[in-house]
C-alpha cells in the first residue's frame, strides 16, 4: 500500500503506550544530532557545536511525546494538537464520497506532532495517496498534498474518516495501525514528520464541540459527539 519512501511502519504495542519522552520516529534525528554535537565538541569547533546543539534541542522539542490521560466520556477527541483552521459543512469524504463535515487541525512547528484516535472502533481501511507539498494551511492541501486516509467504524456501525496531510517541509507520514486493527480512544496511531495537518470527516448529524480558531490537544480536547450520546 505504501511505496518504499513512505513505508508505513507497523510497530508493536509500545507505540500505543510510549514510555519515552519523545516519539520513536524522531530517535534517528536526535541520535544523529547528538553525534554531531559530540563530534564538534571533540574537534573543539565551538561555533559548529553550538549550532548543532540548538538544532538538537529543537529536534527533541519537535518530537516530544507527552503522556496524556484520556478524559472520560463518549465524545470524540482531537486527533492532533493545533488550531482549528477550517470547518466545512459541505465537504465530501475522500474515501466513501459521502457528505460530511470537515474539521481541519493545523499543527505548527511548536505543536506536539503525535496523532491520536478520536473514538474507539475498528480501522476499516487505510490508503496512502501521493501528492505535492504545498503549505498545509491552504485548503487545496486536502486534495493536492501527500496524505494518508483512514476510515474508522465504531461499535454502533457509524464511520468517520481521518486524513494525515503532509505539509510544506514534511517528508514522511508515519502510521502505526492497519486495516482490521481495534483502536482505542486517545491511542497514538501515528505522526507526520515535520508536518502539519489532520482533517476529520464526520457525519453531518454529529454535534460539533469546537469553533473556528480554537486550539485543541490530541487525545484530550472534545471535537464532536453523536446526537444520541452524552
Protein backbone atom coordinates (compact mmCIF):
# COMPACT_ATOMS: atom_id res chain seq x y z
CA UNK A 1 0.00 0.00 0.00
CA UNK A 2 2.86 2.37 0.75
CA UNK A 3 5.88 2.80 -1.51
CA UNK A 4 9.48 2.38 -0.33
CA UNK A 5 9.93 6.07 0.50
CA UNK A 6 6.74 6.33 2.54
CA UNK A 7 6.61 2.84 4.01
CA UNK A 8 4.01 2.52 6.72
CA UNK A 9 5.73 1.41 9.90
CA UNK A 10 3.90 -1.29 11.83
CA UNK A 11 5.41 -1.20 15.32
CA UNK A 12 4.24 -3.29 18.30
CA UNK A 13 2.23 -2.24 21.32
CA UNK A 14 4.90 0.06 22.76
CA UNK A 15 3.83 2.74 20.27
CA UNK A 16 0.40 2.79 21.88
CA UNK A 17 1.90 3.27 25.33
CA UNK A 18 5.17 5.04 24.63
CA UNK A 19 7.48 5.10 27.65
CA UNK A 20 9.90 7.59 26.11
CA UNK A 21 9.59 11.37 26.32
CA UNK A 22 9.97 11.58 22.53
CA UNK A 23 8.23 9.79 19.66
CA UNK A 24 10.26 6.89 18.34
CA UNK A 25 10.31 8.13 14.70
CA UNK A 26 12.35 11.08 15.99
CA UNK A 27 15.11 8.95 17.50
CA UNK A 28 17.25 8.76 14.30
CA UNK A 29 17.25 12.58 14.06
CA UNK A 30 18.01 13.00 17.76
CA UNK A 31 20.83 10.44 17.73
CA UNK A 32 22.34 11.98 14.59
CA UNK A 33 22.23 15.45 16.15
CA UNK A 34 23.78 14.15 19.37
CA UNK A 35 26.60 12.52 17.41
CA UNK A 36 27.34 15.77 15.58
CA UNK A 37 27.40 17.77 18.82
CA UNK A 38 29.86 15.28 20.34
CA UNK A 39 31.98 15.30 17.17
CA UNK A 40 32.38 19.08 17.07
CA UNK A 41 32.93 19.18 20.82
CA UNK A 42 35.81 16.70 20.39
CA UNK A 43 37.19 18.72 17.48
CA UNK A 44 36.91 21.87 19.62
CA UNK A 45 34.89 23.70 16.94
CA UNK A 46 32.70 25.79 19.21
CA UNK A 47 30.53 27.54 16.63
CA UNK A 48 29.56 24.27 14.89
CA UNK A 49 28.92 22.55 18.23
CA UNK A 50 26.64 25.39 19.33
CA UNK A 51 24.71 25.41 16.05
CA UNK A 52 24.03 21.69 16.21
CA UNK A 53 23.23 21.92 19.91
CA UNK A 54 20.45 24.40 19.11
CA UNK A 55 19.20 22.17 16.28
CA UNK A 56 19.30 19.16 18.59
CA UNK A 57 17.26 20.99 21.22
CA UNK A 58 14.64 21.93 18.62
CA UNK A 59 14.51 18.35 17.31
CA UNK A 60 13.92 16.94 20.80
CA UNK A 61 11.20 19.54 21.37
CA UNK A 62 9.59 18.84 18.00
CA UNK A 63 9.41 15.07 18.57
CA UNK A 64 8.25 15.28 22.18
CA UNK A 65 5.51 12.81 23.07
CA UNK A 66 3.98 13.67 26.44
CA UNK A 67 1.82 11.14 28.27
CA UNK A 68 -1.84 12.15 28.39
CA UNK A 69 -4.79 10.88 30.38
CA UNK A 70 -7.83 10.37 28.14
CA UNK A 71 -10.82 12.25 29.60
CA UNK A 72 -13.92 10.20 30.45
CA UNK A 73 -16.96 10.42 28.21
CA UNK A 74 -18.12 9.23 24.81
CA UNK A 75 -17.38 12.37 22.83
CA UNK A 76 -14.74 12.22 20.09
CA UNK A 77 -11.31 13.68 20.80
CA UNK A 78 -8.99 15.81 18.68
CA UNK A 79 -6.61 13.71 16.54
CA UNK A 80 -3.84 16.31 16.66
CA UNK A 81 -2.51 19.28 18.59
CA UNK A 82 -3.00 22.62 16.91
CA UNK A 83 -5.62 25.10 15.81
CA UNK A 84 -8.94 24.58 14.03
CA UNK A 85 -8.35 26.36 10.73
CA UNK A 86 -11.39 25.17 8.80
CA UNK A 87 -14.91 23.86 9.39
CA UNK A 88 -16.63 22.91 6.13
CA UNK A 89 -20.21 21.67 6.46
CA UNK A 90 -20.48 20.84 2.75
CA UNK A 91 -17.48 18.54 2.44
CA UNK A 92 -17.31 15.08 0.88
CA UNK A 93 -15.46 12.15 2.46
CA UNK A 94 -12.32 11.34 0.43
CA UNK A 95 -12.84 7.58 0.73
CA UNK A 96 -16.60 6.95 0.69
CA UNK A 97 -17.73 10.07 -1.20
CA UNK A 98 -20.49 10.66 1.36
CA UNK A 99 -21.46 14.12 2.59
CA UNK A 100 -19.61 15.17 5.72
CA UNK A 101 -18.47 17.98 7.95
CA UNK A 102 -14.73 18.55 7.59
CA UNK A 103 -12.74 19.81 10.58
CA UNK A 104 -9.11 20.72 9.85
CA UNK A 105 -6.46 20.86 12.60
CA UNK A 106 -3.25 22.65 11.66
CA UNK A 107 -0.06 21.79 13.56
CA UNK A 108 2.64 24.44 13.67
CA UNK A 109 6.32 23.89 14.49
CA UNK A 110 5.64 24.15 18.22
CA UNK A 111 2.80 21.60 18.35
CA UNK A 112 3.11 18.01 19.53
CA UNK A 113 3.07 16.05 16.26
CA UNK A 114 1.93 12.65 17.55
CA UNK A 115 -1.60 11.86 16.33
CA UNK A 116 -4.27 10.10 18.40
CA UNK A 117 -7.50 8.18 17.78
CA UNK A 118 -10.72 10.18 18.39
CA UNK A 119 -13.06 7.25 19.22
CA UNK A 120 -12.99 3.52 19.93
CA UNK A 121 -13.50 1.50 16.79
CA UNK A 122 -12.00 -0.63 14.04
CA UNK A 123 -9.75 0.58 11.24
CA UNK A 124 -11.83 -0.28 8.18
CA UNK A 125 -9.37 0.92 5.56
CA UNK A 126 -6.18 2.91 5.10
CA UNK A 127 -4.84 4.39 1.88
CA UNK A 128 -1.70 6.38 1.18
CA UNK A 129 -2.10 8.92 -1.62
CA UNK A 130 0.99 10.62 -3.12
CA UNK A 131 0.90 14.31 -3.92
CA UNK A 132 2.66 17.65 -3.70
CA UNK A 133 3.96 19.54 -0.66
CA UNK A 134 2.14 22.87 -0.56
CA UNK A 135 1.54 24.79 2.64
CA UNK A 136 -0.80 22.63 4.75
CA UNK A 137 -2.78 25.69 5.88
CA UNK A 138 -4.09 26.10 2.31
CA UNK A 139 -7.43 24.45 1.60
CA UNK A 140 -6.09 22.77 -1.55
CA UNK A 141 -3.72 20.73 0.63
CA UNK A 142 -6.64 18.37 1.34
CA UNK A 143 -6.65 17.24 -2.30
CA UNK A 144 -3.15 18.07 -3.54
CA UNK A 145 -0.73 17.07 -0.79
CA UNK A 146 0.62 13.67 0.15
CA UNK A 147 -1.80 12.15 2.62
CA UNK A 148 -2.88 9.05 4.48
CA UNK A 149 -6.64 8.37 4.60
CA UNK A 150 -8.07 6.23 7.41
CA UNK A 151 -11.65 5.07 7.80
CA UNK A 152 -12.68 4.07 11.33
CA UNK A 153 -16.01 2.49 12.26
CA UNK A 154 -17.27 2.41 15.82
CA UNK A 155 -19.23 -0.36 17.59
CA UNK A 156 -22.56 1.19 16.55
CA UNK A 157 -21.60 0.96 12.87
CA UNK A 158 -21.03 4.68 12.31
CA UNK A 159 -17.88 5.63 10.42
CA UNK A 160 -15.69 8.70 10.21
CA UNK A 161 -12.62 9.45 8.13
CA UNK A 162 -9.33 10.95 9.19
CA UNK A 163 -6.60 12.24 6.86
CA UNK A 164 -2.97 12.87 7.82
CA UNK A 165 -1.67 15.53 5.42
CA UNK A 166 1.99 16.28 4.77
CA UNK A 167 2.95 19.95 4.85
CA UNK A 168 5.39 22.22 3.08
CA UNK A 169 8.53 20.60 4.56
CA UNK A 170 7.06 17.25 5.65
CA UNK A 171 8.76 14.22 4.16
CA UNK A 172 7.10 11.26 5.80
CA UNK A 173 3.73 10.21 7.13
CA UNK A 174 4.04 7.52 9.78
CA UNK A 175 1.17 5.21 10.73
CA UNK A 176 1.18 2.51 13.41
CA UNK A 177 -2.19 0.97 12.53
CA UNK A 178 -3.55 -1.09 9.66
CA UNK A 179 -6.96 -2.29 8.45
CA UNK A 180 -8.61 -4.64 10.91
CA UNK A 181 -6.94 -3.16 13.98
CA UNK A 182 -9.10 -2.42 17.00
CA UNK A 183 -8.21 1.10 18.17
CA UNK A 184 -8.94 2.94 21.39
CA UNK A 185 -9.95 6.49 22.10
CA UNK A 186 -6.81 8.55 22.79
CA UNK A 187 -4.44 5.87 21.43
CA UNK A 188 -1.38 7.02 19.49
CA UNK A 189 -1.76 5.95 15.87
CA UNK A 190 0.97 7.86 14.02
CA UNK A 191 2.60 11.18 13.28
CA UNK A 192 3.77 13.38 10.43
CA UNK A 193 7.49 14.04 10.45
CA UNK A 194 7.97 17.81 10.17
CA UNK A 195 4.38 18.34 9.15
CA UNK A 196 1.43 19.55 9.73
CA UNK A 197 -2.32 18.90 9.36
CA UNK A 198 -5.07 16.37 10.12
CA UNK A 199 -8.55 16.56 8.57
CA UNK A 200 -11.57 14.89 10.15
CA UNK A 201 -14.61 13.98 8.06
CA UNK A 202 -17.58 13.30 10.31
CA UNK A 203 -21.26 12.59 9.51
CA UNK A 204 -23.47 15.70 9.18
CA UNK A 205 -25.63 14.63 12.12
CA UNK A 206 -22.69 14.83 14.53
CA UNK A 207 -22.80 17.59 17.12
CA UNK A 208 -19.69 19.80 16.82
CA UNK A 209 -17.95 20.82 20.03
CA UNK A 210 -15.26 23.09 18.52
CA UNK A 211 -15.17 26.51 16.88
CA UNK A 212 -13.05 28.04 14.15
CA UNK A 213 -9.72 29.30 15.52
CA UNK A 214 -9.89 27.18 18.65
CA UNK A 215 -6.73 25.45 19.93
CA UNK A 216 -7.05 21.72 20.62
CA UNK A 217 -4.89 18.96 22.11
CA UNK A 218 -4.71 15.44 20.70
CA UNK A 219 -6.39 12.82 22.86
CA UNK A 220 -7.81 15.45 25.20
CA UNK A 221 -9.97 18.13 23.55
CA UNK A 222 -13.56 17.20 22.54
CA UNK A 223 -14.40 17.71 18.86
CA UNK A 224 -17.81 16.13 18.29
CA UNK A 225 -20.45 13.84 19.80
CA UNK A 226 -23.12 11.67 18.26
CA UNK A 227 -26.61 13.16 18.77
CA UNK A 228 -27.77 10.18 20.85
CA UNK A 229 -24.71 10.12 23.09
CA UNK A 230 -23.98 12.22 26.25
